[in-house]
C-alpha atoms as a PDB file:
ATOM      1  CA  MET A   1     -78.315 -99.781  -4.264  1.00  0.00           C
ATOM      2  CA  LYS A   2     -79.695-103.162  -3.336  1.00  0.00           C
ATOM      3  CA  ALA A   3     -78.163-105.019  -0.434  1.00  0.00           C
ATOM      4  CA  GLU A   4     -77.137-107.818  -2.807  1.00  0.00           C
ATOM      5  CA  GLU A   5     -75.190-105.399  -5.038  1.00  0.00           C
ATOM      6  CA  LYS A   6     -73.546-103.791  -2.029  1.00  0.00           C
ATOM      7  CA  ILE A   7     -72.368-107.178  -0.768  1.00  0.00           C
ATOM      8  CA  ARG A   8     -70.993-108.046  -4.219  1.00  0.00           C
ATOM      9  CA  LYS A   9     -69.051-104.755  -4.395  1.00  0.00           C
ATOM     10  CA  GLU A  10     -67.615-105.324  -0.920  1.00  0.00           C
ATOM     11  CA  ASP A  11     -66.586-108.852  -1.938  1.00  0.00           C
ATOM     12  CA  GLU A  12     -64.828-107.514  -5.058  1.00  0.00           C
ATOM     13  CA  GLU A  13     -63.025-104.865  -3.004  1.00  0.00           C
ATOM     14  CA  ASN A  14     -61.922-107.461  -0.459  1.00  0.00           C
ATOM     15  CA  GLU A  15     -60.780-109.792  -3.234  1.00  0.00           C
ATOM     16  CA  VAL A  16     -58.549-107.106  -4.778  1.00  0.00           C
ATOM     17  CA  VAL A  17     -57.076-106.170  -1.401  1.00  0.00           C
ATOM     18  CA  THR A  18     -56.506-109.814  -0.435  1.00  0.00           C
ATOM     19  CA  LEU A  19     -54.820-110.620  -3.743  1.00  0.00           C
ATOM     20  CA  MET A  20     -52.545-107.569  -3.502  1.00  0.00           C
ATOM     21  CA  LYS A  21     -51.530-108.530   0.036  1.00  0.00           C
ATOM     22  CA  GLU A  22     -50.707-112.076  -1.089  1.00  0.00           C
ATOM     23  CA  VAL A  23     -48.639-110.905  -4.072  1.00  0.00           C
ATOM     24  CA  ALA A  24     -46.840-108.270  -1.986  1.00  0.00           C
ATOM     25  CA  ALA A  25     -45.989-110.849   0.683  1.00  0.00           C
ATOM     26  CA  GLU A  26     -44.779-113.333  -1.932  1.00  0.00           C
ATOM     27  CA  TYR A  27     -42.378-110.784  -3.436  1.00  0.00           C
ATOM     28  CA  GLY A  28     -41.426-109.156  -0.147  1.00  0.00           C
ATOM     29  CA  ILE A  29     -42.740-105.682  -0.996  1.00  0.00           C
ATOM     30  CA  LYS A  30     -45.187-103.395   0.739  1.00  0.00           C
ATOM     31  CA  THR A  31     -48.823-103.626  -0.336  1.00  0.00           C
ATOM     32  CA  ARG A  32     -48.964 -99.851  -0.692  1.00  0.00           C
ATOM     33  CA  LEU A  33     -46.043 -99.898  -3.164  1.00  0.00           C
ATOM     34  CA  LEU A  34     -47.713-102.639  -5.188  1.00  0.00           C
ATOM     35  CA  ALA A  35     -51.029-100.766  -5.207  1.00  0.00           C
ATOM     36  CA  GLY A  36     -49.303 -97.602  -6.397  1.00  0.00           C
ATOM     37  CA  THR A  37     -47.536 -99.467  -9.173  1.00  0.00           C
ATOM     38  CA  ILE A  38     -50.754-101.129 -10.327  1.00  0.00           C
ATOM     39  CA  ARG A  39     -52.591 -97.801 -10.193  1.00  0.00           C
ATOM     40  CA  TYR A  40     -49.858 -96.241 -12.352  1.00  0.00           C
ATOM     41  CA  ALA A  41     -50.051 -99.136 -14.816  1.00  0.00           C
ATOM     42  CA  LEU A  42     -53.823 -98.735 -15.099  1.00  0.00           C
ATOM     43  CA  THR A  43     -54.184 -94.947 -15.098  1.00  0.00           C
ATOM     44  CA  GLY A  44     -50.760 -93.389 -15.630  1.00  0.00           C
ATOM     45  CA  LYS A  45     -51.208 -91.527 -12.330  1.00  0.00           C
ATOM     46  CA  GLU A  46     -49.638 -91.993  -8.932  1.00  0.00           C
ATOM     47  CA  SER A  47     -52.786 -91.310  -6.938  1.00  0.00           C
ATOM     48  CA  GLY A  48     -56.507 -91.446  -7.432  1.00  0.00           C
ATOM     49  CA  LEU A  49     -59.498 -93.647  -6.833  1.00  0.00           C
ATOM     50  CA  PRO A  50     -59.210 -96.934  -4.947  1.00  0.00           C
ATOM     51  CA  LEU A  51     -57.996 -99.751  -7.166  1.00  0.00           C
ATOM     52  CA  HIS A  52     -61.161-101.815  -6.893  1.00  0.00           C
ATOM     53  CA  ILE A  53     -63.114 -98.908  -8.409  1.00  0.00           C
ATOM     54  CA  ILE A  54     -60.586 -98.407 -11.217  1.00  0.00           C
ATOM     55  CA  ILE A  55     -60.719-102.126 -11.984  1.00  0.00           C
ATOM     56  CA  GLU A  56     -64.508-102.118 -11.913  1.00  0.00           C
ATOM     57  CA  VAL A  57     -64.686 -99.176 -14.342  1.00  0.00           C
ATOM     58  CA  LEU A  58     -62.068-100.582 -16.725  1.00  0.00           C
ATOM     59  CA  GLY A  59     -63.345-104.140 -16.576  1.00  0.00           C
ATOM     60  CA  ARG A  60     -61.326-107.326 -16.375  1.00  0.00           C
ATOM     61  CA  GLU A  61     -60.118-107.421 -19.989  1.00  0.00           C
ATOM     62  CA  LYS A  62     -58.869-103.807 -20.110  1.00  0.00           C
ATOM     63  CA  THR A  63     -57.317-104.099 -16.645  1.00  0.00           C
ATOM     64  CA  LEU A  64     -55.312-107.178 -17.613  1.00  0.00           C
ATOM     65  CA  GLU A  65     -54.355-105.654 -20.959  1.00  0.00           C
ATOM     66  CA  ARG A  66     -52.940-102.541 -19.274  1.00  0.00           C
ATOM     67  CA  ILE A  67     -51.052-104.576 -16.668  1.00  0.00           C
ATOM     68  CA  TYR A  68     -49.511-106.810 -19.357  1.00  0.00           C
ATOM     69  CA  ASP A  69     -48.580-103.732 -21.425  1.00  0.00           C
ATOM     70  CA  PHE A  70     -46.921-102.177 -18.375  1.00  0.00           C
ATOM     71  CA  ILE A  71     -44.956-105.360 -17.631  1.00  0.00           C
ATOM     72  CA  THR A  72     -43.803-105.469 -21.264  1.00  0.00           C
ATOM     73  CA  TYR A  73     -42.723-101.825 -21.024  1.00  0.00           C
ATOM     74  CA  LEU A  74     -40.738-102.539 -17.856  1.00  0.00           C
ATOM     75  CA  ARG A  75     -38.996-105.508 -19.471  1.00  0.00           C
ATOM     76  CA  ILE A  76     -38.025-103.413 -22.498  1.00  0.00           C
ATOM     77  CA  GLU A  77     -36.687-100.631 -20.271  1.00  0.00           C
ATOM     78  CA  ASP A  78     -34.740-103.180 -18.218  1.00  0.00           C
ATOM     79  CA  CYS A  79     -33.158-104.581 -21.391  1.00  0.00           C
ATOM     80  CA  LYS A  80     -32.247-101.064 -22.575  1.00  0.00           C
ATOM     81  CA  ASN A  81     -30.600-100.333 -19.249  1.00  0.00           C
ATOM     82  CA  LYS A  82     -28.570-103.539 -19.425  1.00  0.00           C
ATOM     83  CA  ILE A  83     -27.484-102.952 -23.008  1.00  0.00           C
ATOM     84  CA  PHE A  84     -26.268 -99.429 -22.274  1.00  0.00           C
ATOM     85  CA  ASP A  85     -24.588-100.403 -19.010  1.00  0.00           C
ATOM     86  CA  PRO A  86     -20.814-100.415 -19.656  1.00  0.00           C
ATOM     87  CA  ASN A  87     -20.410-103.232 -17.098  1.00  0.00           C
ATOM     88  CA  PHE A  88     -22.943-105.503 -18.817  1.00  0.00           C
ATOM     89  CA  ILE A  89     -21.352-108.541 -20.456  1.00  0.00           C
ATOM     90  CA  LEU A  90     -23.237-110.564 -23.046  1.00  0.00           C
END
């Protein structure tokens, strides 16, 4: 691997980690919890390769598509839970 490629990969890894830390801080959650949730959204598994590698393999488009699909799923499940909650008032 050329030095230039190695630097680019390190930059991408740092960018993912930095962004996750910022999002976690903004929402008051632990970075590890956020990383696990994103990993699950992307792979359907709770553990595995580092996120920057998963994102690199999937590519930007597929990564975003899977995250948006996961968010949609969570919203649907949240609505189902509210509808079937006997204390929920419309």
